Amino acid sequence: MTRKIRYKRLIILFVILAFIFLICFKLFTLRITNIFIDGNLYLSDQEIIESANLSNYPHAIFTFSNSIKSDIVKNKFVKSADVHKKGLTRVYISVVENKPLLFDQVSNKTILSDGTSVDEKFNVPVLVNNVDSSIYDSFLEQFSLIDMDVFNSISEVEYTPNSVDDKLFLFSMNDGNYISVNLDKFLSVNKYFDMVVNFNNHRGILYLDSGEYFKILEN
């Protein structure tokens, strides 16, 4: 009778150990199955996945959110990233891009929002001349805050200081209009599409540096 009890106990122990082994095996072989990405405009999902070293959908238990984030922010086009996992196998990535702002016609390079330059070209406004170094950083910061729909409508940016205003810029718009604006009033450019409906299809210069008025240009 005692032997039968011991035999049963051994069987139960064996089943428990086998079950534990199976769970451990599943855990250690479990891989990332889904990757969800948002916030990217210039970088493709695949480029972010490659930056995160997730291309081969690695083992889930050994893939940590902090290490994924650390790898992503090494990409020069990423300003910051937020990474978290759900249910071990799903990874959620949200990025803030270090977006391309301008193509510098002088240096023949693309300027990113953090001020760095890259050789890659993007469909962004062209900066046709140099900006005074004393306002350059502020210029990039304010320009990066322009709404995307207006940003995409700017073809060229020219630094046009005069004896009265050393922070003056001229934006050439894709629709043939121009905007003269002081650096401190860059955000007023975001109202452009609300203003343009009052131009009655005329072409001219919208002055936002001193008041708000539109000057029609003769053909």
N, C-alpha and C. Protein backbone atom coordinates (compact mmCIF):
# COMPACT_ATOMS: atom_id res chain seq x y z
N MET A 1 0.84 -1.19 0.00
CA MET A 1 0.00 0.00 0.00
C MET A 1 0.88 1.25 0.00
N THR A 2 1.95 1.20 0.82
CA THR A 2 2.88 2.32 0.91
C THR A 2 3.58 2.56 -0.41
N ARG A 3 3.94 1.44 -1.09
CA ARG A 3 4.60 1.57 -2.40
C ARG A 3 3.69 2.24 -3.41
N LYS A 4 2.40 1.88 -3.39
CA LYS A 4 1.44 2.46 -4.33
C LYS A 4 1.32 3.97 -4.11
N ILE A 5 1.31 4.38 -2.82
CA ILE A 5 1.20 5.80 -2.50
C ILE A 5 2.43 6.55 -3.00
N ARG A 6 3.62 5.94 -2.76
CA ARG A 6 4.85 6.56 -3.25
C ARG A 6 4.87 6.64 -4.77
N TYR A 7 4.36 5.59 -5.38
CA TYR A 7 4.32 5.55 -6.85
C TYR A 7 3.41 6.66 -7.38
N LYS A 8 2.26 6.82 -6.73
CA LYS A 8 1.33 7.88 -7.14
C LYS A 8 1.95 9.26 -6.95
N ARG A 9 2.67 9.41 -5.81
CA ARG A 9 3.31 10.69 -5.53
C ARG A 9 4.38 11.02 -6.57
N LEU A 10 5.10 9.98 -6.98
CA LEU A 10 6.12 10.18 -8.01
C LEU A 10 5.48 10.60 -9.34
N ILE A 11 4.34 9.97 -9.64
CA ILE A 11 3.65 10.31 -10.88
C ILE A 11 3.17 11.77 -10.82
N ILE A 12 2.59 12.15 -9.67
CA ILE A 12 2.10 13.52 -9.51
C ILE A 12 3.26 14.51 -9.61
N LEU A 13 4.39 14.17 -8.95
CA LEU A 13 5.57 15.04 -9.00
C LEU A 13 6.07 15.17 -10.44
N PHE A 14 6.08 14.04 -11.14
CA PHE A 14 6.53 14.06 -12.53
C PHE A 14 5.61 14.95 -13.39
N VAL A 15 4.30 14.84 -13.17
CA VAL A 15 3.34 15.66 -13.93
C VAL A 15 3.54 17.14 -13.63
N ILE A 16 3.76 17.45 -12.33
CA ILE A 16 3.97 18.85 -11.94
C ILE A 16 5.24 19.39 -12.58
N LEU A 17 6.33 18.61 -12.52
CA LEU A 17 7.60 19.04 -13.11
C LEU A 17 7.47 19.22 -14.62
N ALA A 18 6.73 18.28 -15.25
CA ALA A 18 6.53 18.37 -16.70
C ALA A 18 5.74 19.61 -17.06
N PHE A 19 4.75 19.91 -16.20
CA PHE A 19 3.92 21.09 -16.43
C PHE A 19 4.76 22.36 -16.29
N ILE A 20 5.60 22.41 -15.23
CA ILE A 20 6.47 23.56 -15.01
C ILE A 20 7.44 23.71 -16.17
N PHE A 21 7.99 22.60 -16.62
CA PHE A 21 8.93 22.62 -17.75
C PHE A 21 8.24 23.16 -19.00
N LEU A 22 7.00 22.73 -19.22
CA LEU A 22 6.26 23.18 -20.40
C LEU A 22 6.00 24.68 -20.35
N ILE A 23 5.64 25.19 -19.15
CA ILE A 23 5.39 26.62 -18.99
C ILE A 23 6.67 27.41 -19.25
N CYS A 24 7.77 26.93 -18.66
CA CYS A 24 9.06 27.61 -18.85
C CYS A 24 9.47 27.59 -20.31
N PHE A 25 9.26 26.46 -20.95
CA PHE A 25 9.61 26.33 -22.38
C PHE A 25 8.80 27.33 -23.21
N LYS A 26 7.51 27.42 -22.91
CA LYS A 26 6.65 28.36 -23.63
C LYS A 26 7.09 29.80 -23.42
N LEU A 27 7.43 30.12 -22.16
CA LEU A 27 7.84 31.48 -21.84
C LEU A 27 9.14 31.85 -22.54
N PHE A 28 10.09 30.94 -22.50
CA PHE A 28 11.41 31.23 -23.06
C PHE A 28 11.43 31.18 -24.58
N THR A 29 10.40 30.62 -25.18
CA THR A 29 10.32 30.59 -26.65
C THR A 29 9.26 31.55 -27.19
N LEU A 30 8.57 32.24 -26.27
CA LEU A 30 7.54 33.19 -26.69
C LEU A 30 8.18 34.39 -27.38
N ARG A 31 7.64 34.76 -28.53
CA ARG A 31 8.22 35.86 -29.30
C ARG A 31 7.23 37.02 -29.41
N ILE A 32 7.78 38.20 -29.71
CA ILE A 32 6.94 39.36 -29.99
C ILE A 32 6.07 39.04 -31.21
N THR A 33 4.78 39.30 -31.10
CA THR A 33 3.87 38.96 -32.21
C THR A 33 3.30 40.18 -32.93
N ASN A 34 3.13 41.28 -32.19
CA ASN A 34 2.52 42.47 -32.79
C ASN A 34 3.27 43.72 -32.35
N ILE A 35 3.48 44.65 -33.31
CA ILE A 35 4.14 45.92 -33.03
C ILE A 35 3.24 47.04 -33.56
N PHE A 36 2.83 47.93 -32.67
CA PHE A 36 1.94 49.03 -33.05
C PHE A 36 2.71 50.34 -32.93
N ILE A 37 2.67 51.16 -33.98
CA ILE A 37 3.47 52.38 -34.05
C ILE A 37 2.59 53.57 -34.38
N ASP A 38 2.81 54.69 -33.70
CA ASP A 38 2.12 55.93 -34.08
C ASP A 38 3.04 57.12 -33.85
N GLY A 39 2.67 58.25 -34.45
CA GLY A 39 3.46 59.47 -34.32
C GLY A 39 4.45 59.70 -35.43
N ASN A 40 4.63 58.69 -36.29
CA ASN A 40 5.62 58.82 -37.36
C ASN A 40 4.98 59.36 -38.63
N LEU A 41 5.70 60.25 -39.27
CA LEU A 41 5.27 60.83 -40.54
C LEU A 41 6.34 60.62 -41.61
N TYR A 42 7.58 60.94 -41.26
CA TYR A 42 8.67 60.82 -42.22
C TYR A 42 9.31 59.43 -42.19
N LEU A 43 9.35 58.83 -41.03
CA LEU A 43 9.88 57.47 -40.91
C LEU A 43 8.76 56.46 -41.14
N SER A 44 9.06 55.41 -41.87
CA SER A 44 8.06 54.35 -42.07
C SER A 44 8.03 53.45 -40.84
N ASP A 45 6.96 52.68 -40.72
CA ASP A 45 6.87 51.73 -39.60
C ASP A 45 8.07 50.77 -39.61
N GLN A 46 8.44 50.32 -40.82
CA GLN A 46 9.54 49.37 -40.93
C GLN A 46 10.86 49.99 -40.47
N GLU A 47 11.08 51.26 -40.78
CA GLU A 47 12.31 51.93 -40.34
C GLU A 47 12.37 52.02 -38.82
N ILE A 48 11.24 52.26 -38.19
CA ILE A 48 11.21 52.32 -36.73
C ILE A 48 11.43 50.93 -36.14
N ILE A 49 10.81 49.94 -36.74
CA ILE A 49 10.99 48.56 -36.27
C ILE A 49 12.46 48.15 -36.36
N GLU A 50 13.12 48.55 -37.45
CA GLU A 50 14.54 48.24 -37.60
C GLU A 50 15.38 48.99 -36.58
N SER A 51 15.03 50.27 -36.34
CA SER A 51 15.76 51.05 -35.33
C SER A 51 15.61 50.44 -33.95
N ALA A 52 14.45 49.83 -33.70
CA ALA A 52 14.17 49.23 -32.39
C ALA A 52 14.74 47.82 -32.27
N ASN A 53 15.38 47.33 -33.33
CA ASN A 53 15.92 45.96 -33.36
C ASN A 53 14.84 44.91 -33.11
N LEU A 54 13.68 45.15 -33.74
CA LEU A 54 12.56 44.22 -33.59
C LEU A 54 12.22 43.53 -34.90
N SER A 55 13.08 43.64 -35.88
CA SER A 55 12.79 43.09 -37.21
C SER A 55 12.54 41.59 -37.20
N ASN A 56 13.25 40.89 -36.33
CA ASN A 56 13.11 39.43 -36.27
C ASN A 56 12.11 38.98 -35.21
N TYR A 57 11.34 39.96 -34.68
CA TYR A 57 10.34 39.65 -33.64
C TYR A 57 10.97 38.75 -32.56
N PRO A 58 11.85 39.34 -31.76
CA PRO A 58 12.66 38.56 -30.80
C PRO A 58 11.85 37.96 -29.66
N HIS A 59 12.56 37.22 -28.80
CA HIS A 59 11.92 36.58 -27.65
C HIS A 59 11.28 37.65 -26.76
N ALA A 60 10.04 37.45 -26.44
CA ALA A 60 9.28 38.46 -25.70
C ALA A 60 9.80 38.67 -24.29
N ILE A 61 10.17 37.62 -23.62
CA ILE A 61 10.54 37.72 -22.21
C ILE A 61 11.88 38.44 -22.02
N PHE A 62 12.72 38.44 -23.06
CA PHE A 62 14.02 39.09 -22.98
C PHE A 62 14.05 40.45 -23.68
N THR A 63 12.89 40.90 -24.13
CA THR A 63 12.80 42.19 -24.82
C THR A 63 12.14 43.20 -23.89
N PHE A 64 12.92 44.19 -23.46
CA PHE A 64 12.44 45.15 -22.47
C PHE A 64 12.11 46.49 -23.10
N SER A 65 11.09 47.15 -22.57
CA SER A 65 10.64 48.43 -23.12
C SER A 65 11.75 49.47 -23.12
N ASN A 66 12.52 49.53 -22.04
CA ASN A 66 13.58 50.53 -21.94
C ASN A 66 14.66 50.34 -23.00
N SER A 67 14.99 49.08 -23.27
CA SER A 67 16.03 48.82 -24.27
C SER A 67 15.51 49.14 -25.67
N ILE A 68 14.21 48.89 -25.91
CA ILE A 68 13.62 49.24 -27.21
C ILE A 68 13.67 50.75 -27.40
N LYS A 69 13.28 51.49 -26.37
CA LYS A 69 13.29 52.95 -26.42
C LYS A 69 14.70 53.47 -26.66
N SER A 70 15.66 52.90 -25.95
CA SER A 70 17.04 53.33 -26.08
C SER A 70 17.56 53.15 -27.50
N ASP A 71 17.15 52.07 -28.15
CA ASP A 71 17.58 51.82 -29.52
C ASP A 71 16.89 52.78 -30.50
N ILE A 72 15.62 53.06 -30.27
CA ILE A 72 14.86 53.92 -31.19
C ILE A 72 15.41 55.34 -31.21
N VAL A 73 15.70 55.90 -30.03
CA VAL A 73 16.13 57.30 -29.97
C VAL A 73 17.55 57.50 -30.52
N LYS A 74 18.23 56.41 -30.84
CA LYS A 74 19.52 56.54 -31.52
C LYS A 74 19.35 56.97 -32.97
N ASN A 75 18.13 56.78 -33.49
CA ASN A 75 17.84 57.20 -34.86
C ASN A 75 17.83 58.73 -34.90
N LYS A 76 18.57 59.32 -35.81
CA LYS A 76 18.70 60.78 -35.87
C LYS A 76 17.39 61.48 -36.20
N PHE A 77 16.41 60.73 -36.72
CA PHE A 77 15.12 61.32 -37.05
C PHE A 77 14.09 61.16 -35.94
N VAL A 78 14.52 60.67 -34.79
CA VAL A 78 13.61 60.49 -33.64
C VAL A 78 14.05 61.40 -32.51
N LYS A 79 13.15 62.25 -32.04
CA LYS A 79 13.45 63.16 -30.94
C LYS A 79 13.20 62.47 -29.60
N SER A 80 12.10 61.75 -29.50
CA SER A 80 11.79 61.01 -28.27
C SER A 80 10.85 59.86 -28.61
N ALA A 81 10.74 58.92 -27.68
CA ALA A 81 9.88 57.75 -27.92
C ALA A 81 9.30 57.26 -26.60
N ASP A 82 8.10 56.72 -26.69
CA ASP A 82 7.45 56.08 -25.53
C ASP A 82 7.15 54.64 -25.93
N VAL A 83 7.58 53.70 -25.12
CA VAL A 83 7.42 52.27 -25.45
C VAL A 83 6.82 51.54 -24.25
N HIS A 84 5.82 50.73 -24.50
CA HIS A 84 5.30 49.85 -23.45
C HIS A 84 4.79 48.56 -24.07
N LYS A 85 4.78 47.53 -23.26
CA LYS A 85 4.33 46.21 -23.72
C LYS A 85 3.02 45.84 -23.05
N LYS A 86 2.23 45.07 -23.77
CA LYS A 86 0.99 44.53 -23.24
C LYS A 86 0.96 43.03 -23.49
N GLY A 87 0.66 42.28 -22.45
CA GLY A 87 0.55 40.84 -22.61
C GLY A 87 1.81 40.19 -23.12
N LEU A 88 2.97 40.74 -22.80
CA LEU A 88 4.29 40.22 -23.16
C LEU A 88 4.60 40.30 -24.65
N THR A 89 3.64 39.96 -25.51
CA THR A 89 3.96 39.81 -26.94
C THR A 89 3.61 41.01 -27.80
N ARG A 90 2.92 41.99 -27.23
CA ARG A 90 2.52 43.17 -28.01
C ARG A 90 3.32 44.39 -27.57
N VAL A 91 3.90 45.08 -28.54
CA VAL A 91 4.73 46.25 -28.26
C VAL A 91 4.07 47.49 -28.87
N TYR A 92 3.92 48.53 -28.06
CA TYR A 92 3.33 49.79 -28.52
C TYR A 92 4.41 50.86 -28.49
N ILE A 93 4.63 51.49 -29.64
CA ILE A 93 5.67 52.51 -29.78
C ILE A 93 5.04 53.82 -30.27
N SER A 94 5.30 54.89 -29.55
CA SER A 94 4.85 56.22 -29.96
C SER A 94 6.09 57.11 -30.07
N VAL A 95 6.29 57.74 -31.21
CA VAL A 95 7.50 58.53 -31.42
C VAL A 95 7.16 60.01 -31.67
N VAL A 96 8.08 60.85 -31.29
CA VAL A 96 8.07 62.27 -31.69
C VAL A 96 9.28 62.43 -32.60
N GLU A 97 9.01 62.74 -33.85
CA GLU A 97 10.09 62.78 -34.82
C GLU A 97 10.92 64.06 -34.72
N ASN A 98 12.19 63.92 -35.00
CA ASN A 98 13.08 65.05 -35.21
C ASN A 98 12.91 65.41 -36.68
N LYS A 99 11.83 66.10 -36.97
CA LYS A 99 11.36 66.20 -38.34
C LYS A 99 12.22 67.11 -39.21
N PRO A 100 12.31 66.79 -40.50
CA PRO A 100 12.98 67.68 -41.46
C PRO A 100 12.20 68.98 -41.57
N LEU A 101 12.89 70.11 -41.41
CA LEU A 101 12.22 71.41 -41.44
C LEU A 101 12.45 72.16 -42.74
N LEU A 102 13.70 72.19 -43.17
CA LEU A 102 14.07 73.03 -44.31
C LEU A 102 15.20 72.38 -45.10
N PHE A 103 15.21 72.67 -46.39
CA PHE A 103 16.38 72.31 -47.18
C PHE A 103 17.23 73.56 -47.34
N ASP A 104 18.42 73.53 -46.77
CA ASP A 104 19.32 74.69 -46.80
C ASP A 104 20.01 74.75 -48.16
N GLN A 105 19.64 75.75 -48.94
CA GLN A 105 20.17 75.88 -50.29
C GLN A 105 21.66 76.24 -50.29
N VAL A 106 22.12 76.87 -49.22
CA VAL A 106 23.53 77.26 -49.13
C VAL A 106 24.42 76.05 -48.87
N SER A 107 24.04 75.25 -47.87
CA SER A 107 24.86 74.07 -47.51
C SER A 107 24.47 72.83 -48.28
N ASN A 108 23.33 72.88 -48.98
CA ASN A 108 22.82 71.74 -49.73
C ASN A 108 22.51 70.55 -48.80
N LYS A 109 22.00 70.87 -47.62
CA LYS A 109 21.64 69.84 -46.65
C LYS A 109 20.25 70.12 -46.08
N THR A 110 19.65 69.08 -45.52
CA THR A 110 18.35 69.23 -44.87
C THR A 110 18.55 69.51 -43.39
N ILE A 111 17.85 70.52 -42.89
CA ILE A 111 17.95 70.89 -41.48
C ILE A 111 16.80 70.23 -40.71
N LEU A 112 17.14 69.55 -39.63
CA LEU A 112 16.14 68.91 -38.78
C LEU A 112 15.73 69.87 -37.67
N SER A 113 14.65 69.53 -36.97
CA SER A 113 14.09 70.44 -35.97
C SER A 113 15.04 70.69 -34.80
N ASP A 114 16.00 69.80 -34.55
CA ASP A 114 16.95 70.03 -33.46
C ASP A 114 18.18 70.80 -33.93
N GLY A 115 18.16 71.22 -35.21
CA GLY A 115 19.26 72.02 -35.74
C GLY A 115 20.34 71.25 -36.45
N THR A 116 20.32 69.93 -36.35
CA THR A 116 21.32 69.13 -37.06
C THR A 116 21.00 69.06 -38.54
N SER A 117 22.01 68.75 -39.34
CA SER A 117 21.85 68.68 -40.79
C SER A 117 22.12 67.27 -41.29
N VAL A 118 21.40 66.87 -42.30
CA VAL A 118 21.59 65.54 -42.90
C VAL A 118 21.65 65.69 -44.42
N ASP A 119 22.22 64.70 -45.07
CA ASP A 119 22.35 64.75 -46.52
C ASP A 119 21.06 64.36 -47.24
N GLU A 120 20.20 63.60 -46.56
CA GLU A 120 18.96 63.15 -47.19
C GLU A 120 18.08 64.35 -47.56
N LYS A 121 17.35 64.20 -48.66
CA LYS A 121 16.46 65.28 -49.10
C LYS A 121 15.01 64.89 -48.86
N PHE A 122 14.21 65.88 -48.47
CA PHE A 122 12.80 65.68 -48.21
C PHE A 122 12.01 66.79 -48.89
N ASN A 123 10.73 66.57 -49.00
CA ASN A 123 9.85 67.58 -49.60
C ASN A 123 9.49 68.62 -48.53
N VAL A 124 10.42 69.54 -48.28
CA VAL A 124 10.25 70.56 -47.25
C VAL A 124 10.58 71.93 -47.87
N PRO A 125 10.18 73.02 -47.22
CA PRO A 125 10.50 74.35 -47.74
C PRO A 125 12.01 74.56 -47.90
N VAL A 126 12.38 75.41 -48.86
CA VAL A 126 13.79 75.70 -49.14
C VAL A 126 14.19 77.00 -48.44
N LEU A 127 15.23 76.95 -47.64
CA LEU A 127 15.81 78.14 -47.04
C LEU A 127 16.85 78.67 -48.03
N VAL A 128 16.60 79.85 -48.59
CA VAL A 128 17.42 80.31 -49.72
C VAL A 128 18.68 81.07 -49.29
N ASN A 129 18.76 81.50 -48.04
CA ASN A 129 19.95 82.22 -47.59
C ASN A 129 20.23 81.94 -46.12
N ASN A 130 21.32 82.49 -45.63
CA ASN A 130 21.71 82.28 -44.24
C ASN A 130 20.88 83.13 -43.28
N VAL A 131 20.61 82.58 -42.10
CA VAL A 131 19.91 83.30 -41.04
C VAL A 131 20.93 83.70 -39.99
N ASP A 132 20.79 84.92 -39.47
CA ASP A 132 21.72 85.41 -38.46
C ASP A 132 21.83 84.41 -37.31
N SER A 133 23.04 84.12 -36.90
CA SER A 133 23.29 83.10 -35.87
C SER A 133 22.62 83.43 -34.54
N SER A 134 22.40 84.71 -34.26
CA SER A 134 21.82 85.11 -32.98
C SER A 134 20.35 84.72 -32.86
N ILE A 135 19.68 84.50 -33.98
CA ILE A 135 18.26 84.14 -33.94
C ILE A 135 18.00 82.78 -34.59
N TYR A 136 19.06 82.12 -35.00
CA TYR A 136 18.90 80.87 -35.77
C TYR A 136 18.13 79.81 -34.99
N ASP A 137 18.52 79.58 -33.75
CA ASP A 137 17.85 78.53 -32.95
C ASP A 137 16.38 78.87 -32.73
N SER A 138 16.10 80.14 -32.44
CA SER A 138 14.70 80.56 -32.24
C SER A 138 13.91 80.42 -33.53
N PHE A 139 14.56 80.71 -34.64
CA PHE A 139 13.92 80.56 -35.94
C PHE A 139 13.49 79.11 -36.17
N LEU A 140 14.38 78.17 -35.92
CA LEU A 140 14.03 76.76 -36.11
C LEU A 140 12.92 76.33 -35.16
N GLU A 141 13.00 76.79 -33.92
CA GLU A 141 11.99 76.41 -32.92
C GLU A 141 10.61 76.91 -33.33
N GLN A 142 10.53 78.18 -33.74
CA GLN A 142 9.23 78.75 -34.11
C GLN A 142 8.72 78.16 -35.42
N PHE A 143 9.63 77.93 -36.35
CA PHE A 143 9.21 77.38 -37.64
C PHE A 143 8.65 75.97 -37.48
N SER A 144 9.19 75.22 -36.53
CA SER A 144 8.73 73.85 -36.30
C SER A 144 7.32 73.80 -35.73
N LEU A 145 6.83 74.94 -35.21
CA LEU A 145 5.49 74.99 -34.60
C LEU A 145 4.40 75.35 -35.60
N ILE A 146 4.78 75.64 -36.83
CA ILE A 146 3.78 75.97 -37.85
C ILE A 146 2.97 74.72 -38.18
N ASP A 147 1.65 74.88 -38.27
CA ASP A 147 0.76 73.75 -38.56
C ASP A 147 1.16 73.08 -39.86
N MET A 148 0.98 71.75 -39.90
CA MET A 148 1.46 70.97 -41.02
C MET A 148 0.83 71.38 -42.35
N ASP A 149 -0.46 71.74 -42.35
CA ASP A 149 -1.10 72.10 -43.61
C ASP A 149 -0.51 73.39 -44.18
N VAL A 150 -0.18 74.34 -43.32
CA VAL A 150 0.47 75.57 -43.78
C VAL A 150 1.92 75.29 -44.13
N PHE A 151 2.59 74.52 -43.30
CA PHE A 151 3.99 74.14 -43.53
C PHE A 151 4.16 73.54 -44.93
N ASN A 152 3.24 72.66 -45.30
CA ASN A 152 3.32 72.00 -46.61
C ASN A 152 3.01 72.95 -47.77
N SER A 153 2.49 74.14 -47.46
CA SER A 153 2.17 75.11 -48.50
C SER A 153 3.26 76.16 -48.69
N ILE A 154 4.33 76.06 -47.91
CA ILE A 154 5.45 77.00 -48.02
C ILE A 154 6.50 76.40 -48.95
N SER A 155 6.86 77.14 -49.99
CA SER A 155 7.86 76.63 -50.92
C SER A 155 9.26 77.12 -50.60
N GLU A 156 9.37 78.41 -50.20
CA GLU A 156 10.68 78.98 -49.89
C GLU A 156 10.61 79.89 -48.67
N VAL A 157 11.73 79.98 -47.97
CA VAL A 157 11.86 80.89 -46.83
C VAL A 157 13.12 81.73 -47.04
N GLU A 158 12.97 83.05 -46.91
CA GLU A 158 14.10 83.95 -47.07
C GLU A 158 14.21 84.86 -45.85
N TYR A 159 15.41 84.99 -45.35
CA TYR A 159 15.67 85.90 -44.24
C TYR A 159 15.85 87.29 -44.82
N THR A 160 14.98 88.25 -44.44
CA THR A 160 14.96 89.57 -45.07
C THR A 160 15.02 90.70 -44.04
N PRO A 161 16.06 90.77 -43.24
CA PRO A 161 16.15 91.82 -42.22
C PRO A 161 16.30 93.20 -42.86
N ASN A 162 15.85 94.21 -42.16
CA ASN A 162 16.07 95.58 -42.61
C ASN A 162 16.50 96.43 -41.43
N SER A 163 16.63 97.74 -41.64
CA SER A 163 17.13 98.63 -40.58
C SER A 163 16.17 98.74 -39.40
N VAL A 164 14.89 98.38 -39.64
CA VAL A 164 13.88 98.49 -38.59
C VAL A 164 13.67 97.16 -37.87
N ASP A 165 13.75 96.07 -38.61
CA ASP A 165 13.42 94.74 -38.06
C ASP A 165 14.47 93.73 -38.52
N ASP A 166 15.25 93.22 -37.57
CA ASP A 166 16.28 92.23 -37.91
C ASP A 166 15.79 90.79 -37.74
N LYS A 167 14.47 90.62 -37.54
CA LYS A 167 13.89 89.28 -37.40
C LYS A 167 12.83 89.03 -38.47
N LEU A 168 13.02 89.63 -39.61
CA LEU A 168 11.99 89.58 -40.65
C LEU A 168 12.28 88.46 -41.65
N PHE A 169 11.19 87.76 -42.05
CA PHE A 169 11.30 86.67 -43.01
C PHE A 169 10.22 86.81 -44.08
N LEU A 170 10.52 86.27 -45.25
CA LEU A 170 9.55 86.26 -46.34
C LEU A 170 9.30 84.81 -46.75
N PHE A 171 8.03 84.37 -46.64
CA PHE A 171 7.65 83.03 -47.06
C PHE A 171 7.03 83.10 -48.45
N SER A 172 7.52 82.28 -49.36
CA SER A 172 6.90 82.13 -50.68
C SER A 172 5.96 80.93 -50.61
N MET A 173 4.70 81.14 -50.94
CA MET A 173 3.70 80.09 -50.83
C MET A 173 3.48 79.40 -52.17
N ASN A 174 3.05 78.17 -52.11
CA ASN A 174 2.81 77.40 -53.34
C ASN A 174 1.72 77.99 -54.21
N ASP A 175 0.82 78.79 -53.63
CA ASP A 175 -0.28 79.36 -54.41
C ASP A 175 0.09 80.68 -55.07
N GLY A 176 1.36 81.09 -54.95
CA GLY A 176 1.80 82.33 -55.58
C GLY A 176 1.81 83.54 -54.68
N ASN A 177 1.33 83.42 -53.46
CA ASN A 177 1.34 84.52 -52.51
C ASN A 177 2.63 84.52 -51.70
N TYR A 178 2.83 85.62 -50.96
CA TYR A 178 3.98 85.76 -50.08
C TYR A 178 3.48 86.17 -48.70
N ILE A 179 4.26 85.82 -47.69
CA ILE A 179 3.96 86.24 -46.33
C ILE A 179 5.20 86.90 -45.76
N SER A 180 5.07 88.14 -45.33
CA SER A 180 6.15 88.83 -44.63
C SER A 180 5.83 88.78 -43.15
N VAL A 181 6.72 88.18 -42.37
CA VAL A 181 6.39 87.93 -40.97
C VAL A 181 7.62 88.06 -40.08
N ASN A 182 7.42 88.64 -38.91
CA ASN A 182 8.46 88.74 -37.91
C ASN A 182 8.58 87.40 -37.17
N LEU A 183 9.78 87.06 -36.78
CA LEU A 183 10.02 85.79 -36.09
C LEU A 183 9.10 85.60 -34.90
N ASP A 184 8.85 86.66 -34.16
CA ASP A 184 8.02 86.57 -32.95
C ASP A 184 6.54 86.34 -33.27
N LYS A 185 6.18 86.45 -34.55
CA LYS A 185 4.78 86.28 -34.95
C LYS A 185 4.59 85.10 -35.89
N PHE A 186 5.54 84.18 -35.87
CA PHE A 186 5.47 83.03 -36.78
C PHE A 186 4.15 82.25 -36.65
N LEU A 187 3.64 82.12 -35.44
CA LEU A 187 2.44 81.32 -35.23
C LEU A 187 1.21 81.95 -35.88
N SER A 188 1.26 83.25 -36.18
CA SER A 188 0.13 83.88 -36.86
C SER A 188 -0.01 83.35 -38.29
N VAL A 189 1.05 82.74 -38.80
CA VAL A 189 1.01 82.13 -40.13
C VAL A 189 -0.01 81.00 -40.17
N ASN A 190 -0.29 80.40 -39.01
CA ASN A 190 -1.25 79.29 -38.96
C ASN A 190 -2.67 79.71 -39.35
N LYS A 191 -2.91 81.02 -39.39
CA LYS A 191 -4.23 81.53 -39.79
C LYS A 191 -4.30 81.79 -41.29
N TYR A 192 -3.27 81.40 -42.02
CA TYR A 192 -3.17 81.76 -43.44
C TYR A 192 -4.40 81.36 -44.26
N PHE A 193 -4.87 80.14 -44.09
CA PHE A 193 -5.98 79.66 -44.92
C PHE A 193 -7.30 80.35 -44.59
N ASP A 194 -7.41 80.84 -43.35
CA ASP A 194 -8.59 81.63 -43.01
C ASP A 194 -8.52 83.02 -43.65
N MET A 195 -7.30 83.51 -43.83
CA MET A 195 -7.11 84.83 -44.42
C MET A 195 -7.20 84.81 -45.95
N VAL A 196 -6.69 83.75 -46.55
CA VAL A 196 -6.57 83.71 -48.01
C VAL A 196 -7.93 83.75 -48.71
N VAL A 197 -8.98 83.34 -48.02
CA VAL A 197 -10.31 83.36 -48.65
C VAL A 197 -10.78 84.78 -48.90
N ASN A 198 -10.15 85.75 -48.23
CA ASN A 198 -10.54 87.16 -48.40
C ASN A 198 -9.74 87.86 -49.50
N PHE A 199 -8.84 87.13 -50.16
CA PHE A 199 -7.99 87.76 -51.17
C PHE A 199 -8.68 87.86 -52.53
N ASN A 200 -9.85 87.20 -52.66
CA ASN A 200 -10.60 87.21 -53.92
C ASN A 200 -9.73 86.79 -55.11
N ASN A 201 -8.95 85.74 -54.89
CA ASN A 201 -8.10 85.16 -55.94
C ASN A 201 -6.99 86.09 -56.42
N HIS A 202 -6.77 87.20 -55.73
CA HIS A 202 -5.63 88.06 -56.06
C HIS A 202 -4.35 87.44 -55.52
N ARG A 203 -3.23 87.84 -56.10
CA ARG A 203 -1.92 87.39 -55.64
C ARG A 203 -1.19 88.59 -55.05
N GLY A 204 -0.55 88.37 -53.92
CA GLY A 204 0.14 89.48 -53.30
C GLY A 204 0.92 89.08 -52.07
N ILE A 205 1.20 90.06 -51.21
CA ILE A 205 1.98 89.84 -50.00
C ILE A 205 1.09 90.07 -48.78
N LEU A 206 1.05 89.08 -47.93
CA LEU A 206 0.34 89.20 -46.67
C LEU A 206 1.35 89.65 -45.61
N TYR A 207 1.15 90.85 -45.08
CA TYR A 207 2.06 91.38 -44.08
C TYR A 207 1.56 91.03 -42.68
N LEU A 208 2.36 90.27 -41.98
CA LEU A 208 2.03 89.89 -40.61
C LEU A 208 3.07 90.41 -39.63
N ASP A 209 4.02 91.18 -40.14
CA ASP A 209 5.07 91.70 -39.28
C ASP A 209 4.62 92.95 -38.54
N SER A 210 3.76 93.74 -39.16
CA SER A 210 3.22 94.94 -38.51
C SER A 210 1.74 95.04 -38.86
N GLY A 211 0.92 94.49 -38.01
CA GLY A 211 -0.50 94.41 -38.33
C GLY A 211 -0.78 93.23 -39.24
N GLU A 212 -1.96 93.21 -39.82
CA GLU A 212 -2.35 92.14 -40.74
C GLU A 212 -3.04 92.79 -41.94
N TYR A 213 -2.33 92.91 -43.04
CA TYR A 213 -2.95 93.46 -44.24
C TYR A 213 -2.34 92.82 -45.48
N PHE A 214 -3.09 92.88 -46.56
CA PHE A 214 -2.71 92.20 -47.80
C PHE A 214 -2.47 93.24 -48.90
N LYS A 215 -1.32 93.16 -49.54
CA LYS A 215 -0.98 94.07 -50.63
C LYS A 215 -0.99 93.30 -51.95
N ILE A 216 -1.88 93.70 -52.87
CA ILE A 216 -1.98 93.02 -54.16
C ILE A 216 -0.77 93.38 -55.01
N LEU A 217 -0.20 92.37 -55.65
CA LEU A 217 0.92 92.59 -56.55
C LEU A 217 0.40 92.71 -57.98
N GLU A 218 0.92 93.67 -58.72
CA GLU A 218 0.52 93.82 -60.11
C GLU A 218 1.13 92.70 -60.93
N ASN A 219 0.41 92.27 -61.98
CA ASN A 219 0.92 91.21 -62.84
C ASN A 219 2.17 91.70 -63.54
